[in-house]
Amino acid sequence: MPFAPLHLDTPLLQTAPGYSASGKPLWLKLDALQPSGSFKLRGVGRLCQHEVENGAREIFCASGGNAGIAAAYAGRALGVPVTIVVPETTAADVRQTIAATGANVLVHGSVFDEANAHAVELARSRKASYVHPFDHPLLWDGHATLIDEVVAKGAKFDCVVTSVGGGGLLAGIVEGLKRNGLSLVPVIAVETEGAASLHASLKANERITLPAITSIANSLGARQVAQHVFDLPQQHPIESVLVSDADAVAACLKFADAQRILVEPACGAALAVADVHAGLLQRFDNPLIEVCGGIGVSLEKLRGWKEKFL
């Protein structure tokens, strides 16, 4: 018998039109309230369940944070040991949170790519399962459930705004729109300056690998998006936009005041669009913003970012 999903059907709220410079009522899908702190549990949980159903007795995953927490949570729920390989750039408090969730944490490499290659090799050598944090069809299928939930609630929306890192969430949203007969609903894909691998790739018309991630929104820190994600704009209406770190931080603070929920700058990037790119939303009546969440935030960090950027 298949496992029940590990993720929650998260709340959907609508703001007053005056909440943002767009003057539009905004639907907010609150995936910051997932047990793992972010949307990642949808896809990572789905993929971990699939692996365990097919005989996995151990799981390896590489992550700078949120996918690692999701895999750790999934492993604990499914009763299998999980090892998360993080790059040196992952903050000590994030490593501690992953370990406290029940996973073994290894530090390897200066960037995600090196941590990921190590995780793949460890899984191969131990005949264990490897779970990618953003590049797998079952991940996208899991992330698509957020659209299923919004549709099931009867909410009418005419665009979706989402942050983009490696692109797993974007791929899931497009999958969710497609399977709910909403293939004409555009997606606004948001990155911060300094972590904009999708934007650079679309501009160059080839998949670009960034030399480094220079944004504080390090959850968006994939130096290259998945090939499937790079190909998506040829199949679905997607608009790529940028915001600054300061824009993302301002949106995090504004959201915390309004909703009493803390989110990372990686999530603040999507929330910032309604103010920074207000004109972009003028042609829509009911935008949906995926509030993807993230564990790399605290009151202390928010104060520090406010002092630095605002």
C-alpha atoms as a PDB file:
ATOM      1  CA  MET A   1       0.000   0.000   0.000  1.00  0.00           C
ATOM      2  CA  PRO A   2       1.511   3.402  -1.001  1.00  0.00           C
ATOM      3  CA  PHE A   3       2.547   5.851   1.697  1.00  0.00           C
ATOM      4  CA  ALA A   4       0.350   8.848   2.467  1.00  0.00           C
ATOM      5  CA  PRO A   5       1.989  12.129   1.364  1.00  0.00           C
ATOM      6  CA  LEU A   6       4.448  13.612   3.856  1.00  0.00           C
ATOM      7  CA  HIS A   7       3.605  17.230   3.002  1.00  0.00           C
ATOM      8  CA  LEU A   8       0.676  19.300   4.250  1.00  0.00           C
ATOM      9  CA  ASP A   9      -2.109  20.922   2.250  1.00  0.00           C
ATOM     10  CA  THR A  10      -0.948  24.425   3.222  1.00  0.00           C
ATOM     11  CA  PRO A  11      -3.179  27.479   3.793  1.00  0.00           C
ATOM     12  CA  LEU A  12      -4.130  29.809   0.957  1.00  0.00           C
ATOM     13  CA  LEU A  13      -4.718  33.449   1.878  1.00  0.00           C
ATOM     14  CA  GLN A  14      -5.616  36.496  -0.175  1.00  0.00           C
ATOM     15  CA  THR A  15      -4.244  39.951   0.621  1.00  0.00           C
ATOM     16  CA  ALA A  16      -6.168  43.190   0.378  1.00  0.00           C
ATOM     17  CA  PRO A  17      -5.506  45.066  -2.892  1.00  0.00           C
ATOM     18  CA  GLY A  18      -3.571  47.739  -0.978  1.00  0.00           C
ATOM     19  CA  TYR A  19      -0.956  45.285   0.336  1.00  0.00           C
ATOM     20  CA  SER A  20       1.390  45.948  -2.593  1.00  0.00           C
ATOM     21  CA  ALA A  21       2.163  48.592  -5.192  1.00  0.00           C
ATOM     22  CA  SER A  22       0.471  46.375  -7.781  1.00  0.00           C
ATOM     23  CA  GLY A  23      -2.932  47.262  -6.292  1.00  0.00           C
ATOM     24  CA  LYS A  24      -4.018  43.661  -6.902  1.00  0.00           C
ATOM     25  CA  PRO A  25      -5.355  41.153  -4.384  1.00  0.00           C
ATOM     26  CA  LEU A  26      -2.627  38.512  -4.126  1.00  0.00           C
ATOM     27  CA  TRP A  27      -3.225  34.842  -3.435  1.00  0.00           C
ATOM     28  CA  LEU A  28      -0.496  33.560  -1.091  1.00  0.00           C
ATOM     29  CA  LYS A  29       0.200  29.806  -0.998  1.00  0.00           C
ATOM     30  CA  LEU A  30       1.902  29.411   2.378  1.00  0.00           C
ATOM     31  CA  ASP A  31       4.413  26.604   1.872  1.00  0.00           C
ATOM     32  CA  ALA A  32       6.602  28.215   4.532  1.00  0.00           C
ATOM     33  CA  LEU A  33       4.290  26.293   6.907  1.00  0.00           C
ATOM     34  CA  GLN A  34       5.357  22.846   5.696  1.00  0.00           C
ATOM     35  CA  PRO A  35       6.848  20.666   8.498  1.00  0.00           C
ATOM     36  CA  SER A  36      10.295  20.995   6.869  1.00  0.00           C
ATOM     37  CA  GLY A  37       9.934  24.781   6.546  1.00  0.00           C
ATOM     38  CA  SER A  38       9.631  24.938   2.771  1.00  0.00           C
ATOM     39  CA  PHE A  39       7.902  23.611  -0.350  1.00  0.00           C
ATOM     40  CA  LYS A  40      10.779  21.129  -0.789  1.00  0.00           C
ATOM     41  CA  LEU A  41       8.965  18.472   1.240  1.00  0.00           C
ATOM     42  CA  ARG A  42       6.410  18.089  -1.561  1.00  0.00           C
ATOM     43  CA  GLY A  43       8.888  16.813  -4.126  1.00  0.00           C
ATOM     44  CA  VAL A  44      11.671  15.458  -1.936  1.00  0.00           C
ATOM     45  CA  GLY A  45       9.132  13.571   0.172  1.00  0.00           C
ATOM     46  CA  ARG A  46       7.542  12.140  -2.985  1.00  0.00           C
ATOM     47  CA  LEU A  47      10.917  10.989  -4.336  1.00  0.00           C
ATOM     48  CA  CYS A  48      12.086   9.531  -1.002  1.00  0.00           C
ATOM     49  CA  GLN A  49       8.822   7.594  -0.700  1.00  0.00           C
ATOM     50  CA  HIS A  50       9.285   6.222  -4.212  1.00  0.00           C
ATOM     51  CA  GLU A  51      12.827   5.089  -3.393  1.00  0.00           C
ATOM     52  CA  VAL A  52      11.774   3.379  -0.145  1.00  0.00           C
ATOM     53  CA  GLU A  53       8.816   1.700  -1.863  1.00  0.00           C
ATOM     54  CA  ASN A  54      11.338   0.306  -4.330  1.00  0.00           C
ATOM     55  CA  GLY A  55      13.629  -1.125  -1.673  1.00  0.00           C
ATOM     56  CA  ALA A  56      15.931   1.736  -0.613  1.00  0.00           C
ATOM     57  CA  ARG A  57      17.445   1.185   2.824  1.00  0.00           C
ATOM     58  CA  GLU A  58      19.573   4.353   2.836  1.00  0.00           C
ATOM     59  CA  ILE A  59      19.277   7.759   1.125  1.00  0.00           C
ATOM     60  CA  PHE A  60      21.907  10.342   0.150  1.00  0.00           C
ATOM     61  CA  CYS A  61      21.113  13.903  -0.899  1.00  0.00           C
ATOM     62  CA  ALA A  62      23.173  17.035  -1.517  1.00  0.00           C
ATOM     63  CA  SER A  63      21.735  20.337  -0.386  1.00  0.00           C
ATOM     64  CA  GLY A  64      22.577  23.816   0.832  1.00  0.00           C
ATOM     65  CA  GLY A  65      19.693  23.563   3.275  1.00  0.00           C
ATOM     66  CA  ASN A  66      16.022  23.210   2.429  1.00  0.00           C
ATOM     67  CA  ALA A  67      16.139  20.009   0.372  1.00  0.00           C
ATOM     68  CA  GLY A  68      18.383  18.529   3.047  1.00  0.00           C
ATOM     69  CA  ILE A  69      15.878  19.271   5.805  1.00  0.00           C
ATOM     70  CA  ALA A  70      13.088  17.825   3.653  1.00  0.00           C
ATOM     71  CA  ALA A  71      15.069  14.631   2.990  1.00  0.00           C
ATOM     72  CA  ALA A  72      15.966  14.360   6.688  1.00  0.00           C
ATOM     73  CA  TYR A  73      12.302  14.761   7.641  1.00  0.00           C
ATOM     74  CA  ALA A  74      11.253  12.204   5.016  1.00  0.00           C
ATOM     75  CA  GLY A  75      13.874   9.698   6.141  1.00  0.00           C
ATOM     76  CA  ARG A  76      12.761  10.003   9.749  1.00  0.00           C
ATOM     77  CA  ALA A  77       9.104   9.532   8.755  1.00  0.00           C
ATOM     78  CA  LEU A  78       9.949   6.545   6.527  1.00  0.00           C
ATOM     79  CA  GLY A  79      12.390   4.919   8.952  1.00  0.00           C
ATOM     80  CA  VAL A  80      15.488   4.967   6.735  1.00  0.00           C
ATOM     81  CA  PRO A  81      18.865   6.617   7.464  1.00  0.00           C
ATOM     82  CA  VAL A  82      19.631   9.744   5.456  1.00  0.00           C
ATOM     83  CA  THR A  83      22.972  11.453   4.795  1.00  0.00           C
ATOM     84  CA  ILE A  84      22.985  15.051   3.581  1.00  0.00           C
ATOM     85  CA  VAL A  85      26.139  16.398   1.919  1.00  0.00           C
ATOM     86  CA  VAL A  86      26.381  20.175   2.236  1.00  0.00           C
ATOM     87  CA  PRO A  87      28.968  22.551   0.763  1.00  0.00           C
ATOM     88  CA  GLU A  88      31.211  24.602   3.045  1.00  0.00           C
ATOM     89  CA  THR A  89      29.019  27.650   2.384  1.00  0.00           C
ATOM     90  CA  THR A  90      26.092  26.141   4.315  1.00  0.00           C
ATOM     91  CA  ALA A  91      25.756  28.009   7.613  1.00  0.00           C
ATOM     92  CA  ALA A  92      26.511  26.185  10.861  1.00  0.00           C
ATOM     93  CA  ASP A  93      22.984  26.717  12.192  1.00  0.00           C
ATOM     94  CA  VAL A  94      21.495  25.159   9.050  1.00  0.00           C
ATOM     95  CA  ARG A  95      23.797  22.135   9.381  1.00  0.00           C
ATOM     96  CA  GLN A  96      22.697  21.791  13.011  1.00  0.00           C
ATOM     97  CA  THR A  97      19.024  21.959  12.042  1.00  0.00           C
ATOM     98  CA  ILE A  98      19.488  19.203   9.439  1.00  0.00           C
ATOM     99  CA  ALA A  99      21.300  17.033  11.994  1.00  0.00           C
ATOM    100  CA  ALA A 100      18.636  17.724  14.635  1.00  0.00           C
ATOM    101  CA  THR A 101      15.996  16.524  12.154  1.00  0.00           C
ATOM    102  CA  GLY A 102      17.735  13.156  12.199  1.00  0.00           C
ATOM    103  CA  ALA A 103      20.173  13.081   9.275  1.00  0.00           C
ATOM    104  CA  ASN A 104      23.906  12.505   9.151  1.00  0.00           C
ATOM    105  CA  VAL A 105      25.532  15.712   7.811  1.00  0.00           C
ATOM    106  CA  LEU A 106      28.761  15.692   5.789  1.00  0.00           C
ATOM    107  CA  VAL A 107      30.545  18.837   4.584  1.00  0.00           C
ATOM    108  CA  HIS A 108      32.239  18.517   1.210  1.00  0.00           C
ATOM    109  CA  GLY A 109      33.330  21.051  -1.405  1.00  0.00           C
ATOM    110  CA  SER A 110      33.101  24.807  -1.710  1.00  0.00           C
ATOM    111  CA  VAL A 111      29.988  24.819  -3.916  1.00  0.00           C
ATOM    112  CA  PHE A 112      26.843  22.712  -4.385  1.00  0.00           C
ATOM    113  CA  ASP A 113      28.198  21.016  -7.516  1.00  0.00           C
ATOM    114  CA  GLU A 114      31.089  19.485  -5.543  1.00  0.00           C
ATOM    115  CA  ALA A 115      28.823  18.422  -2.662  1.00  0.00           C
ATOM    116  CA  ASN A 116      26.418  16.879  -5.156  1.00  0.00           C
ATOM    117  CA  ALA A 117      29.106  14.890  -6.980  1.00  0.00           C
ATOM    118  CA  HIS A 118      30.283  13.533  -3.613  1.00  0.00           C
ATOM    119  CA  ALA A 119      26.735  12.528  -2.630  1.00  0.00           C
ATOM    120  CA  VAL A 120      26.263  10.691  -5.933  1.00  0.00           C
ATOM    121  CA  GLU A 121      29.564   8.821  -5.459  1.00  0.00           C
ATOM    122  CA  LEU A 122      28.776   7.877  -1.844  1.00  0.00           C
ATOM    123  CA  ALA A 123      25.344   6.569  -2.826  1.00  0.00           C
ATOM    124  CA  ARG A 124      26.888   4.520  -5.646  1.00  0.00           C
ATOM    125  CA  SER A 125      29.604   3.045  -3.422  1.00  0.00           C
ATOM    126  CA  ARG A 126      27.100   2.087  -0.699  1.00  0.00           C
ATOM    127  CA  LYS A 127      24.423   0.854  -3.144  1.00  0.00           C
ATOM    128  CA  ALA A 128      22.106   3.432  -1.578  1.00  0.00           C
ATOM    129  CA  SER A 129      19.537   5.722  -3.200  1.00  0.00           C
ATOM    130  CA  TYR A 130      20.465   9.213  -4.321  1.00  0.00           C
ATOM    131  CA  VAL A 131      17.848  11.976  -4.223  1.00  0.00           C
ATOM    132  CA  HIS A 132      18.511  15.090  -6.322  1.00  0.00           C
ATOM    133  CA  PRO A 133      17.309  18.366  -4.758  1.00  0.00           C
ATOM    134  CA  PHE A 134      15.730  19.806  -7.925  1.00  0.00           C
ATOM    135  CA  ASP A 135      16.257  17.717 -11.071  1.00  0.00           C
ATOM    136  CA  HIS A 136      13.933  14.678 -11.200  1.00  0.00           C
ATOM    137  CA  PRO A 137      10.428  14.153 -12.687  1.00  0.00           C
ATOM    138  CA  LEU A 138       9.059  12.750  -9.402  1.00  0.00           C
ATOM    139  CA  LEU A 139      10.227  15.897  -7.587  1.00  0.00           C
ATOM    140  CA  TRP A 140       8.328  18.010 -10.092  1.00  0.00           C
ATOM    141  CA  ASP A 141       5.292  15.768  -9.713  1.00  0.00           C
ATOM    142  CA  GLY A 142       5.424  16.322  -5.944  1.00  0.00           C
ATOM    143  CA  HIS A 143       5.808  20.087  -6.248  1.00  0.00           C
ATOM    144  CA  ALA A 144       2.849  20.171  -8.673  1.00  0.00           C
ATOM    145  CA  THR A 145       0.553  19.284  -5.762  1.00  0.00           C
ATOM    146  CA  LEU A 146       0.602  22.923  -4.644  1.00  0.00           C
ATOM    147  CA  ILE A 147      -1.332  23.847  -7.791  1.00  0.00           C
ATOM    148  CA  ASP A 148      -3.671  20.877  -7.264  1.00  0.00           C
ATOM    149  CA  GLU A 149      -4.477  22.243  -3.791  1.00  0.00           C
ATOM    150  CA  VAL A 150      -5.126  25.805  -4.984  1.00  0.00           C
ATOM    151  CA  VAL A 151      -7.437  24.529  -7.738  1.00  0.00           C
ATOM    152  CA  ALA A 152      -9.242  22.210  -5.294  1.00  0.00           C
ATOM    153  CA  LYS A 153      -9.982  25.221  -3.078  1.00  0.00           C
ATOM    154  CA  GLY A 154     -11.739  26.897  -6.004  1.00  0.00           C
ATOM    155  CA  ALA A 155      -9.362  29.879  -6.092  1.00  0.00           C
ATOM    156  CA  LYS A 156      -9.307  31.717  -9.403  1.00  0.00           C
ATOM    157  CA  PHE A 157      -5.831  32.944 -10.398  1.00  0.00           C
ATOM    158  CA  ASP A 158      -4.434  34.158 -13.694  1.00  0.00           C
ATOM    159  CA  CYS A 159      -0.662  34.035 -13.148  1.00  0.00           C
ATOM    160  CA  VAL A 160       1.780  32.360 -10.767  1.00  0.00           C
ATOM    161  CA  VAL A 161       4.805  34.121  -9.266  1.00  0.00           C
ATOM    162  CA  THR A 162       7.614  31.887  -8.020  1.00  0.00           C
ATOM    163  CA  SER A 163      11.253  32.074  -7.014  1.00  0.00           C
ATOM    164  CA  VAL A 164      13.711  30.010  -9.077  1.00  0.00           C
ATOM    165  CA  GLY A 165      16.918  28.311  -7.944  1.00  0.00           C
ATOM    166  CA  GLY A 166      17.708  25.071  -9.750  1.00  0.00           C
ATOM    167  CA  GLY A 167      14.192  25.178 -11.146  1.00  0.00           C
ATOM    168  CA  GLY A 168      12.473  22.214  -9.517  1.00  0.00           C
ATOM    169  CA  LEU A 169       9.678  24.368  -8.129  1.00  0.00           C
ATOM    170  CA  LEU A 170       9.143  26.110 -11.474  1.00  0.00           C
ATOM    171  CA  ALA A 171       8.982  22.718 -13.217  1.00  0.00           C
ATOM    172  CA  GLY A 172       6.457  21.483 -10.647  1.00  0.00           C
ATOM    173  CA  ILE A 173       4.255  24.548 -11.024  1.00  0.00           C
ATOM    174  CA  VAL A 174       4.197  24.164 -14.813  1.00  0.00           C
ATOM    175  CA  GLU A 175       3.354  20.464 -14.382  1.00  0.00           C
ATOM    176  CA  GLY A 176       0.559  21.370 -11.935  1.00  0.00           C
ATOM    177  CA  LEU A 177      -0.905  23.961 -14.302  1.00  0.00           C
ATOM    178  CA  LYS A 178      -0.772  21.511 -17.204  1.00  0.00           C
ATOM    179  CA  ARG A 179      -2.528  18.696 -15.362  1.00  0.00           C
ATOM    180  CA  ASN A 180      -5.260  21.051 -14.165  1.00  0.00           C
ATOM    181  CA  GLY A 181      -6.031  22.377 -17.659  1.00  0.00           C
ATOM    182  CA  LEU A 182      -4.305  25.718 -17.010  1.00  0.00           C
ATOM    183  CA  SER A 183      -1.573  25.598 -19.644  1.00  0.00           C
ATOM    184  CA  LEU A 184      -2.234  29.198 -20.684  1.00  0.00           C
ATOM    185  CA  VAL A 185      -1.659  30.623 -17.181  1.00  0.00           C
ATOM    186  CA  PRO A 186       1.750  32.362 -17.277  1.00  0.00           C
ATOM    187  CA  VAL A 187       4.451  31.917 -14.653  1.00  0.00           C
ATOM    188  CA  ILE A 188       6.662  34.790 -13.528  1.00  0.00           C
ATOM    189  CA  ALA A 189      10.038  33.275 -12.614  1.00  0.00           C
ATOM    190  CA  VAL A 190      11.952  35.415 -10.119  1.00  0.00           C
ATOM    191  CA  GLU A 191      15.652  35.383  -9.261  1.00  0.00           C
ATOM    192  CA  THR A 192      17.874  37.709  -7.282  1.00  0.00           C
ATOM    193  CA  GLU A 193      20.749  39.483  -8.983  1.00  0.00           C
ATOM    194  CA  GLY A 194      23.806  37.353  -8.298  1.00  0.00           C
ATOM    195  CA  ALA A 195      21.872  34.053  -8.370  1.00  0.00           C
ATOM    196  CA  ALA A 196      20.183  34.375 -11.752  1.00  0.00           C
ATOM    197  CA  SER A 197      21.236  31.286 -13.700  1.00  0.00           C
ATOM    198  CA  LEU A 198      17.883  30.953 -15.508  1.00  0.00           C
ATOM    199  CA  HIS A 199      17.789  34.625 -16.513  1.00  0.00           C
ATOM    200  CA  ALA A 200      21.372  34.475 -17.834  1.00  0.00           C
ATOM    201  CA  SER A 201      20.658  31.264 -19.734  1.00  0.00           C
ATOM    202  CA  LEU A 202      17.508  32.589 -21.399  1.00  0.00           C
ATOM    203  CA  LYS A 203      19.333  35.785 -22.356  1.00  0.00           C
ATOM    204  CA  ALA A 204      22.232  33.823 -23.906  1.00  0.00           C
ATOM    205  CA  ASN A 205      19.904  31.204 -25.429  1.00  0.00           C
ATOM    206  CA  GLU A 206      22.068  28.474 -23.906  1.00  0.00           C
ATOM    207  CA  ARG A 207      22.338  26.908 -20.458  1.00  0.00           C
ATOM    208  CA  ILE A 208      24.823  29.072 -18.565  1.00  0.00           C
ATOM    209  CA  THR A 209      26.827  28.066 -15.504  1.00  0.00           C
ATOM    210  CA  LEU A 210      27.367  31.076 -13.252  1.00  0.00           C
ATOM    211  CA  PRO A 211      30.967  31.529 -12.066  1.00  0.00           C
ATOM    212  CA  ALA A 212      29.743  32.116  -8.506  1.00  0.00           C
ATOM    213  CA  ILE A 213      26.669  32.922  -6.423  1.00  0.00           C
ATOM    214  CA  THR A 214      26.957  36.452  -5.045  1.00  0.00           C
ATOM    215  CA  SER A 215      23.396  36.938  -3.725  1.00  0.00           C
ATOM    216  CA  ILE A 216      22.436  36.510  -0.058  1.00  0.00           C
ATOM    217  CA  ALA A 217      19.509  34.436  -1.338  1.00  0.00           C
ATOM    218  CA  ASN A 218      21.748  31.378  -1.294  1.00  0.00           C
ATOM    219  CA  SER A 219      18.804  28.979  -1.489  1.00  0.00           C
ATOM    220  CA  LEU A 220      18.552  30.217  -5.081  1.00  0.00           C
ATOM    221  CA  GLY A 221      22.214  29.360  -5.465  1.00  0.00           C
ATOM    222  CA  ALA A 222      22.195  26.816  -8.273  1.00  0.00           C
ATOM    223  CA  ARG A 223      24.943  27.879 -10.670  1.00  0.00           C
ATOM    224  CA  GLN A 224      23.078  26.095 -13.474  1.00  0.00           C
ATOM    225  CA  VAL A 225      19.397  25.258 -13.874  1.00  0.00           C
ATOM    226  CA  ALA A 226      18.216  21.802 -14.896  1.00  0.00           C
ATOM    227  CA  GLN A 227      18.040  21.198 -18.660  1.00  0.00           C
ATOM    228  CA  HIS A 228      14.295  20.533 -18.417  1.00  0.00           C
ATOM    229  CA  VAL A 229      13.809  23.920 -16.757  1.00  0.00           C
ATOM    230  CA  PHE A 230      15.852  25.722 -19.422  1.00  0.00           C
ATOM    231  CA  ASP A 231      13.577  24.120 -22.048  1.00  0.00           C
ATOM    232  CA  LEU A 232      10.300  25.005 -20.279  1.00  0.00           C
ATOM    233  CA  PRO A 233       9.791  28.508 -21.771  1.00  0.00           C
ATOM    234  CA  GLN A 234       9.449  26.850 -25.186  1.00  0.00           C
ATOM    235  CA  GLN A 235       6.486  24.852 -23.832  1.00  0.00           C
ATOM    236  CA  HIS A 236       4.798  27.264 -21.413  1.00  0.00           C
ATOM    237  CA  PRO A 237       4.476  31.072 -21.025  1.00  0.00           C
ATOM    238  CA  ILE A 238       7.252  31.997 -18.569  1.00  0.00           C
ATOM    239  CA  GLU A 239       8.626  35.480 -17.874  1.00  0.00           C
ATOM    240  CA  SER A 240      12.007  35.806 -16.158  1.00  0.00           C
ATOM    241  CA  VAL A 241      12.517  38.822 -13.878  1.00  0.00           C
ATOM    242  CA  LEU A 242      15.167  39.964 -11.390  1.00  0.00           C
ATOM    243  CA  VAL A 243      15.028  41.683  -8.017  1.00  0.00           C
ATOM    244  CA  SER A 244      17.867  42.897  -5.814  1.00  0.00           C
ATOM    245  CA  ASP A 245      18.893  41.444  -2.456  1.00  0.00           C
ATOM    246  CA  ALA A 246      17.550  44.638  -0.878  1.00  0.00           C
ATOM    247  CA  ASP A 247      14.182  44.124  -2.605  1.00  0.00           C
ATOM    248  CA  ALA A 248      14.005  40.537  -1.311  1.00  0.00           C
ATOM    249  CA  VAL A 249      14.876  41.557   2.255  1.00  0.00           C
ATOM    250  CA  ALA A 250      12.314  44.374   2.231  1.00  0.00           C
ATOM    251  CA  ALA A 251       9.659  41.891   1.086  1.00  0.00           C
ATOM    252  CA  CYS A 252      10.619  39.448   3.884  1.00  0.00           C
ATOM    253  CA  LEU A 253      10.225  42.173   6.514  1.00  0.00           C
ATOM    254  CA  LYS A 254       6.937  43.400   5.074  1.00  0.00           C
ATOM    255  CA  PHE A 255       5.584  39.831   4.933  1.00  0.00           C
ATOM    256  CA  ALA A 256       6.688  39.120   8.513  1.00  0.00           C
ATOM    257  CA  ASP A 257       4.829  42.199   9.746  1.00  0.00           C
ATOM    258  CA  ALA A 258       1.683  41.363   7.778  1.00  0.00           C
ATOM    259  CA  GLN A 259       1.484  37.581   8.216  1.00  0.00           C
ATOM    260  CA  ARG A 260       3.687  36.921  11.297  1.00  0.00           C
ATOM    261  CA  ILE A 261       5.707  34.364   9.303  1.00  0.00           C
ATOM    262  CA  LEU A 262       9.467  34.464   8.634  1.00  0.00           C
ATOM    263  CA  VAL A 263      10.773  33.523   5.180  1.00  0.00           C
ATOM    264  CA  GLU A 264      14.203  33.528   3.529  1.00  0.00           C
ATOM    265  CA  PRO A 265      15.288  36.179   0.982  1.00  0.00           C
ATOM    266  CA  ALA A 266      15.020  33.385  -1.601  1.00  0.00           C
ATOM    267  CA  CYS A 267      11.275  33.438  -0.891  1.00  0.00           C
ATOM    268  CA  GLY A 268      11.204  37.208  -0.469  1.00  0.00           C
ATOM    269  CA  ALA A 269      12.277  37.465  -4.113  1.00  0.00           C
ATOM    270  CA  ALA A 270       8.863  36.219  -5.269  1.00  0.00           C
ATOM    271  CA  LEU A 271       7.029  38.380  -2.724  1.00  0.00           C
ATOM    272  CA  ALA A 272       8.975  41.446  -3.919  1.00  0.00           C
ATOM    273  CA  VAL A 273       7.587  41.274  -7.455  1.00  0.00           C
ATOM    274  CA  ALA A 274       4.232  42.869  -6.536  1.00  0.00           C
ATOM    275  CA  ASP A 275       6.119  46.000  -5.432  1.00  0.00           C
ATOM    276  CA  VAL A 276       9.264  46.045  -7.579  1.00  0.00           C
ATOM    277  CA  HIS A 277       7.607  44.927 -10.822  1.00  0.00           C
ATOM    278  CA  ALA A 278       4.114  46.223 -10.036  1.00  0.00           C
ATOM    279  CA  GLY A 279       3.569  47.144 -13.686  1.00  0.00           C
ATOM    280  CA  LEU A 280       4.148  43.553 -14.722  1.00  0.00           C
ATOM    281  CA  LEU A 281       1.125  42.470 -12.680  1.00  0.00           C
ATOM    282  CA  GLN A 282      -1.204  45.134 -14.086  1.00  0.00           C
ATOM    283  CA  ARG A 283      -2.546  42.856 -16.803  1.00  0.00           C
ATOM    284  CA  PHE A 284      -3.602  40.231 -14.229  1.00  0.00           C
ATOM    285  CA  ASP A 285      -6.535  40.284 -11.821  1.00  0.00           C
ATOM    286  CA  ASN A 286      -5.586  37.621  -9.252  1.00  0.00           C
ATOM    287  CA  PRO A 287      -1.891  36.725  -9.107  1.00  0.00           C
ATOM    288  CA  LEU A 288      -0.876  33.639  -7.102  1.00  0.00           C
ATOM    289  CA  ILE A 289       2.437  33.866  -5.230  1.00  0.00           C
ATOM    290  CA  GLU A 290       4.126  30.677  -4.070  1.00  0.00           C
ATOM    291  CA  VAL A 291       5.471  31.526  -0.594  1.00  0.00           C
ATOM    292  CA  CYS A 292       8.139  28.835  -0.719  1.00  0.00           C
ATOM    293  CA  GLY A 293       9.545  29.472   2.768  1.00  0.00           C
ATOM    294  CA  GLY A 294      13.030  28.342   3.783  1.00  0.00           C
ATOM    295  CA  ILE A 295      14.860  27.513   7.008  1.00  0.00           C
ATOM    296  CA  GLY A 296      17.742  29.959   6.550  1.00  0.00           C
ATOM    297  CA  VAL A 297      16.027  32.793   8.397  1.00  0.00           C
ATOM    298  CA  SER A 298      15.701  34.037  11.970  1.00  0.00           C
ATOM    299  CA  LEU A 299      14.845  37.287  13.711  1.00  0.00           C
ATOM    300  CA  GLU A 300      18.561  37.909  14.176  1.00  0.00           C
ATOM    301  CA  LYS A 301      19.318  37.314  10.485  1.00  0.00           C
ATOM    302  CA  LEU A 302      16.435  39.560   9.408  1.00  0.00           C
ATOM    303  CA  ARG A 303      17.770  42.343  11.627  1.00  0.00           C
ATOM    304  CA  GLY A 304      21.237  41.917  10.124  1.00  0.00           C
ATOM    305  CA  TRP A 305      19.933  42.016   6.563  1.00  0.00           C
ATOM    306  CA  LYS A 306      17.849  45.075   7.359  1.00  0.00           C
ATOM    307  CA  GLU A 307      20.912  46.899   8.680  1.00  0.00           C
ATOM    308  CA  LYS A 308      22.989  45.891   5.663  1.00  0.00           C
ATOM    309  CA  PHE A 309      20.531  46.524   2.846  1.00  0.00           C
ATOM    310  CA  LEU A 310      17.811  48.938   3.960  1.00  0.00           C
END
